[in-house]
Amino acid sequence: MSKYGADVDEPYAHVGRVKLRVSDYDGSAVTGLSPDEARLLGLRLIKTADEAEAQEW
């Protein structure tokens, strides 16, 4: 298991894109993001994680 969870592989850079693979029992998906898109996604994930943490019982 990676530090991102059982189904999320380590992101990597390839030909100027940020690649991310997510797998589940049905298969896997790979996405390629521009560096700016990856930064925005990272910020959004932090915000969403903070919201989820605030909802914990």
PDB file of N, CA and C in Angstrom:
ATOM      1  N   MET A   1       0.849  -1.180   0.000  1.00  0.00           N
ATOM      2  CA  MET A   1       0.000   0.000   0.000  1.00  0.00           C
ATOM      3  C   MET A   1       0.894   1.242   0.000  1.00  0.00           C
ATOM      4  N   SER A   2       0.544   2.213  -0.819  1.00  0.00           N
ATOM      5  CA  SER A   2       1.320   3.452  -0.847  1.00  0.00           C
ATOM      6  C   SER A   2       0.876   4.359   0.293  1.00  0.00           C
ATOM      7  N   LYS A   3       1.617   5.427   0.481  1.00  0.00           N
ATOM      8  CA  LYS A   3       1.255   6.378   1.532  1.00  0.00           C
ATOM      9  C   LYS A   3      -0.013   7.145   1.196  1.00  0.00           C
ATOM     10  N   TYR A   4      -0.511   6.991  -0.045  1.00  0.00           N
ATOM     11  CA  TYR A   4      -1.727   7.682  -0.472  1.00  0.00           C
ATOM     12  C   TYR A   4      -2.964   6.805  -0.346  1.00  0.00           C
ATOM     13  N   GLY A   5      -2.797   5.571   0.057  1.00  0.00           N
ATOM     14  CA  GLY A   5      -3.908   4.645   0.178  1.00  0.00           C
ATOM     15  C   GLY A   5      -3.659   3.397  -0.657  1.00  0.00           C
ATOM     16  N   ALA A   6      -4.486   2.404  -0.469  1.00  0.00           N
ATOM     17  CA  ALA A   6      -4.294   1.113  -1.122  1.00  0.00           C
ATOM     18  C   ALA A   6      -4.426   1.197  -2.636  1.00  0.00           C
ATOM     19  N   ASP A   7      -5.223   2.110  -3.144  1.00  0.00           N
ATOM     20  CA  ASP A   7      -5.549   2.123  -4.568  1.00  0.00           C
ATOM     21  C   ASP A   7      -4.950   3.296  -5.344  1.00  0.00           C
ATOM     22  N   VAL A   8      -4.059   4.064  -4.727  1.00  0.00           N
ATOM     23  CA  VAL A   8      -3.487   5.238  -5.385  1.00  0.00           C
ATOM     24  C   VAL A   8      -1.976   5.068  -5.458  1.00  0.00           C
ATOM     25  N   ASP A   9      -1.440   5.049  -6.682  1.00  0.00           N
ATOM     26  CA  ASP A   9       0.005   4.914  -6.873  1.00  0.00           C
ATOM     27  C   ASP A   9       0.703   6.263  -6.704  1.00  0.00           C
ATOM     28  N   GLU A  10       1.999   6.191  -6.529  1.00  0.00           N
ATOM     29  CA  GLU A  10       2.824   7.397  -6.408  1.00  0.00           C
ATOM     30  C   GLU A  10       2.733   8.209  -7.708  1.00  0.00           C
ATOM     31  N   PRO A  11       2.398   9.492  -7.637  1.00  0.00           N
ATOM     32  CA  PRO A  11       2.396  10.313  -8.852  1.00  0.00           C
ATOM     33  C   PRO A  11       3.818  10.445  -9.395  1.00  0.00           C
ATOM     34  N   TYR A  12       3.922  10.641 -10.704  1.00  0.00           N
ATOM     35  CA  TYR A  12       5.237  10.812 -11.311  1.00  0.00           C
ATOM     36  C   TYR A  12       5.151  11.792 -12.476  1.00  0.00           C
ATOM     37  N   ALA A  13       6.285  12.361 -12.846  1.00  0.00           N
ATOM     38  CA  ALA A  13       6.351  13.304 -13.963  1.00  0.00           C
ATOM     39  C   ALA A  13       6.830  12.566 -15.209  1.00  0.00           C
ATOM     40  N   HIS A  14       6.170  12.855 -16.337  1.00  0.00           N
ATOM     41  CA  HIS A  14       6.548  12.236 -17.604  1.00  0.00           C
ATOM     42  C   HIS A  14       6.193  13.196 -18.739  1.00  0.00           C
ATOM     43  N   VAL A  15       7.162  13.551 -19.539  1.00  0.00           N
ATOM     44  CA  VAL A  15       7.040  14.482 -20.666  1.00  0.00           C
ATOM     45  C   VAL A  15       6.229  15.737 -20.335  1.00  0.00           C
ATOM     46  N   GLY A  16       6.541  16.350 -19.205  1.00  0.00           N
ATOM     47  CA  GLY A  16       5.922  17.617 -18.840  1.00  0.00           C
ATOM     48  C   GLY A  16       4.539  17.508 -18.221  1.00  0.00           C
ATOM     49  N   ARG A  17       4.091  16.293 -17.924  1.00  0.00           N
ATOM     50  CA  ARG A  17       2.773  16.080 -17.317  1.00  0.00           C
ATOM     51  C   ARG A  17       2.958  15.363 -15.988  1.00  0.00           C
ATOM     52  N   VAL A  18       2.010  15.525 -15.085  1.00  0.00           N
ATOM     53  CA  VAL A  18       1.979  14.796 -13.832  1.00  0.00           C
ATOM     54  C   VAL A  18       1.030  13.620 -14.044  1.00  0.00           C
ATOM     55  N   LYS A  19       1.527  12.412 -13.889  1.00  0.00           N
ATOM     56  CA  LYS A  19       0.741  11.203 -14.110  1.00  0.00           C
ATOM     57  C   LYS A  19       0.314  10.633 -12.762  1.00  0.00           C
ATOM     58  N   LEU A  20      -0.932  10.178 -12.704  1.00  0.00           N
ATOM     59  CA  LEU A  20      -1.481   9.608 -11.478  1.00  0.00           C
ATOM     60  C   LEU A  20      -2.337   8.406 -11.850  1.00  0.00           C
ATOM     61  N   ARG A  21      -2.065   7.261 -11.220  1.00  0.00           N
ATOM     62  CA  ARG A  21      -2.828   6.042 -11.464  1.00  0.00           C
ATOM     63  C   ARG A  21      -3.644   5.694 -10.216  1.00  0.00           C
ATOM     64  N   VAL A  22      -4.929   5.412 -10.433  1.00  0.00           N
ATOM     65  CA  VAL A  22      -5.827   4.984  -9.373  1.00  0.00           C
ATOM     66  C   VAL A  22      -6.430   3.644  -9.803  1.00  0.00           C
ATOM     67  N   SER A  23      -6.399   2.659  -8.929  1.00  0.00           N
ATOM     68  CA  SER A  23      -6.889   1.318  -9.250  1.00  0.00           C
ATOM     69  C   SER A  23      -8.005   0.913  -8.301  1.00  0.00           C
ATOM     70  N   ASP A  24      -8.884   0.058  -8.809  1.00  0.00           N
ATOM     71  CA  ASP A  24      -9.862  -0.605  -7.954  1.00  0.00           C
ATOM     72  C   ASP A  24     -10.123  -1.989  -8.530  1.00  0.00           C
ATOM     73  N   TYR A  25     -11.084  -2.687  -8.016  1.00  0.00           N
ATOM     74  CA  TYR A  25     -11.318  -4.065  -8.447  1.00  0.00           C
ATOM     75  C   TYR A  25     -11.755  -4.162  -9.908  1.00  0.00           C
ATOM     76  N   ASP A  26     -12.269  -3.103 -10.490  1.00  0.00           N
ATOM     77  CA  ASP A  26     -12.692  -3.100 -11.892  1.00  0.00           C
ATOM     78  C   ASP A  26     -11.556  -2.788 -12.860  1.00  0.00           C
ATOM     79  N   GLY A  27     -10.452  -2.290 -12.377  1.00  0.00           N
ATOM     80  CA  GLY A  27      -9.348  -1.913 -13.247  1.00  0.00           C
ATOM     81  C   GLY A  27      -8.628  -0.708 -12.711  1.00  0.00           C
ATOM     82  N   SER A  28      -8.058   0.067 -13.612  1.00  0.00           N
ATOM     83  CA  SER A  28      -7.323   1.246 -13.179  1.00  0.00           C
ATOM     84  C   SER A  28      -7.507   2.366 -14.185  1.00  0.00           C
ATOM     85  N   ALA A  29      -7.224   3.564 -13.726  1.00  0.00           N
ATOM     86  CA  ALA A  29      -7.297   4.747 -14.573  1.00  0.00           C
ATOM     87  C   ALA A  29      -6.029   5.558 -14.355  1.00  0.00           C
ATOM     88  N   VAL A  30      -5.528   6.121 -15.432  1.00  0.00           N
ATOM     89  CA  VAL A  30      -4.357   6.986 -15.373  1.00  0.00           C
ATOM     90  C   VAL A  30      -4.766   8.330 -15.942  1.00  0.00           C
ATOM     91  N   THR A  31      -4.387   9.381 -15.258  1.00  0.00           N
ATOM     92  CA  THR A  31      -4.649  10.721 -15.774  1.00  0.00           C
ATOM     93  C   THR A  31      -3.338  11.474 -15.883  1.00  0.00           C
ATOM     94  N   GLY A  32      -3.290  12.380 -16.827  1.00  0.00           N
ATOM     95  CA  GLY A  32      -2.136  13.249 -16.990  1.00  0.00           C
ATOM     96  C   GLY A  32      -2.580  14.690 -16.786  1.00  0.00           C
ATOM     97  N   LEU A  33      -1.978  15.360 -15.835  1.00  0.00           N
ATOM     98  CA  LEU A  33      -2.327  16.735 -15.508  1.00  0.00           C
ATOM     99  C   LEU A  33      -1.164  17.649 -15.838  1.00  0.00           C
ATOM    100  N   SER A  34      -1.496  18.880 -16.221  1.00  0.00           N
ATOM    101  CA  SER A  34      -0.437  19.876 -16.368  1.00  0.00           C
ATOM    102  C   SER A  34       0.078  20.204 -14.963  1.00  0.00           C
ATOM    103  N   PRO A  35       1.261  20.764 -14.857  1.00  0.00           N
ATOM    104  CA  PRO A  35       1.755  21.149 -13.534  1.00  0.00           C
ATOM    105  C   PRO A  35       0.784  22.080 -12.785  1.00  0.00           C
ATOM    106  N   ASP A  36       0.191  23.049 -13.477  1.00  0.00           N
ATOM    107  CA  ASP A  36      -0.754  23.952 -12.814  1.00  0.00           C
ATOM    108  C   ASP A  36      -2.008  23.212 -12.354  1.00  0.00           C
ATOM    109  N   GLU A  37      -2.519  22.305 -13.189  1.00  0.00           N
ATOM    110  CA  GLU A  37      -3.694  21.515 -12.782  1.00  0.00           C
ATOM    111  C   GLU A  37      -3.370  20.662 -11.565  1.00  0.00           C
ATOM    112  N   ALA A  38      -2.175  20.084 -11.531  1.00  0.00           N
ATOM    113  CA  ALA A  38      -1.775  19.262 -10.392  1.00  0.00           C
ATOM    114  C   ALA A  38      -1.696  20.108  -9.118  1.00  0.00           C
ATOM    115  N   ARG A  39      -1.181  21.310  -9.227  1.00  0.00           N
ATOM    116  CA  ARG A  39      -1.119  22.208  -8.060  1.00  0.00           C
ATOM    117  C   ARG A  39      -2.517  22.558  -7.555  1.00  0.00           C
ATOM    118  N   LEU A  40      -3.415  22.884  -8.480  1.00  0.00           N
ATOM    119  CA  LEU A  40      -4.791  23.207  -8.079  1.00  0.00           C
ATOM    120  C   LEU A  40      -5.475  22.008  -7.432  1.00  0.00           C
ATOM    121  N   LEU A  41      -5.256  20.826  -7.993  1.00  0.00           N
ATOM    122  CA  LEU A  41      -5.834  19.620  -7.403  1.00  0.00           C
ATOM    123  C   LEU A  41      -5.287  19.396  -5.998  1.00  0.00           C
ATOM    124  N   GLY A  42      -3.989  19.598  -5.825  1.00  0.00           N
ATOM    125  CA  GLY A  42      -3.390  19.444  -4.499  1.00  0.00           C
ATOM    126  C   GLY A  42      -4.011  20.382  -3.482  1.00  0.00           C
ATOM    127  N   LEU A  43      -4.205  21.638  -3.861  1.00  0.00           N
ATOM    128  CA  LEU A  43      -4.834  22.597  -2.952  1.00  0.00           C
ATOM    129  C   LEU A  43      -6.273  22.207  -2.631  1.00  0.00           C
ATOM    130  N   ARG A  44      -6.999  21.737  -3.646  1.00  0.00           N
ATOM    131  CA  ARG A  44      -8.394  21.325  -3.435  1.00  0.00           C
ATOM    132  C   ARG A  44      -8.461  20.097  -2.529  1.00  0.00           C
ATOM    133  N   LEU A  45      -7.534  19.175  -2.687  1.00  0.00           N
ATOM    134  CA  LEU A  45      -7.503  17.992  -1.824  1.00  0.00           C
ATOM    135  C   LEU A  45      -7.233  18.376  -0.372  1.00  0.00           C
ATOM    136  N   ILE A  46      -6.353  19.342  -0.156  1.00  0.00           N
ATOM    137  CA  ILE A  46      -6.078  19.811   1.206  1.00  0.00           C
ATOM    138  C   ILE A  46      -7.336  20.417   1.812  1.00  0.00           C
ATOM    139  N   LYS A  47      -8.027  21.268   1.055  1.00  0.00           N
ATOM    140  CA  LYS A  47      -9.254  21.888   1.554  1.00  0.00           C
ATOM    141  C   LYS A  47     -10.312  20.831   1.875  1.00  0.00           C
ATOM    142  N   THR A  48     -10.473  19.868   0.990  1.00  0.00           N
ATOM    143  CA  THR A  48     -11.471  18.818   1.206  1.00  0.00           C
ATOM    144  C   THR A  48     -11.097  17.935   2.392  1.00  0.00           C
ATOM    145  N   ALA A  49      -9.817  17.663   2.568  1.00  0.00           N
ATOM    146  CA  ALA A  49      -9.369  16.882   3.721  1.00  0.00           C
ATOM    147  C   ALA A  49      -9.671  17.614   5.024  1.00  0.00           C
ATOM    148  N   ASP A  50      -9.469  18.915   5.044  1.00  0.00           N
ATOM    149  CA  ASP A  50      -9.799  19.709   6.233  1.00  0.00           C
ATOM    150  C   ASP A  50     -11.297  19.650   6.525  1.00  0.00           C
ATOM    151  N   GLU A  51     -12.122  19.728   5.477  1.00  0.00           N
ATOM    152  CA  GLU A  51     -13.573  19.639   5.660  1.00  0.00           C
ATOM    153  C   GLU A  51     -13.973  18.262   6.190  1.00  0.00           C
ATOM    154  N   ALA A  52     -13.378  17.212   5.654  1.00  0.00           N
ATOM    155  CA  ALA A  52     -13.687  15.854   6.102  1.00  0.00           C
ATOM    156  C   ALA A  52     -13.263  15.641   7.551  1.00  0.00           C
ATOM    157  N   GLU A  53     -12.103  16.173   7.900  1.00  0.00           N
ATOM    158  CA  GLU A  53     -11.601  16.046   9.268  1.00  0.00           C
ATOM    159  C   GLU A  53     -12.540  16.748  10.257  1.00  0.00           C
ATOM    160  N   ALA A  54     -13.098  17.872   9.867  1.00  0.00           N
ATOM    161  CA  ALA A  54     -14.011  18.610  10.737  1.00  0.00           C
ATOM    162  C   ALA A  54     -15.326  17.847  10.947  1.00  0.00           C
ATOM    163  N   GLN A  55     -15.664  16.948  10.031  1.00  0.00           N
ATOM    164  CA  GLN A  55     -16.897  16.183  10.136  1.00  0.00           C
ATOM    165  C   GLN A  55     -16.757  14.926  10.970  1.00  0.00           C
ATOM    166  N   GLU A  56     -15.537  14.553  11.318  1.00  0.00           N
ATOM    167  CA  GLU A  56     -15.329  13.317  12.098  1.00  0.00           C
ATOM    168  C   GLU A  56     -16.030  13.425  13.440  1.00  0.00           C
ATOM    169  N   TRP A  57     -16.503  12.307  13.902  1.00  0.00           N
ATOM    170  CA  TRP A  57     -17.251  12.294  15.168  1.00  0.00           C
ATOM    171  C   TRP A  57     -16.326  12.135  16.302  1.00  0.00           C
TER     172      TRP A  57
END
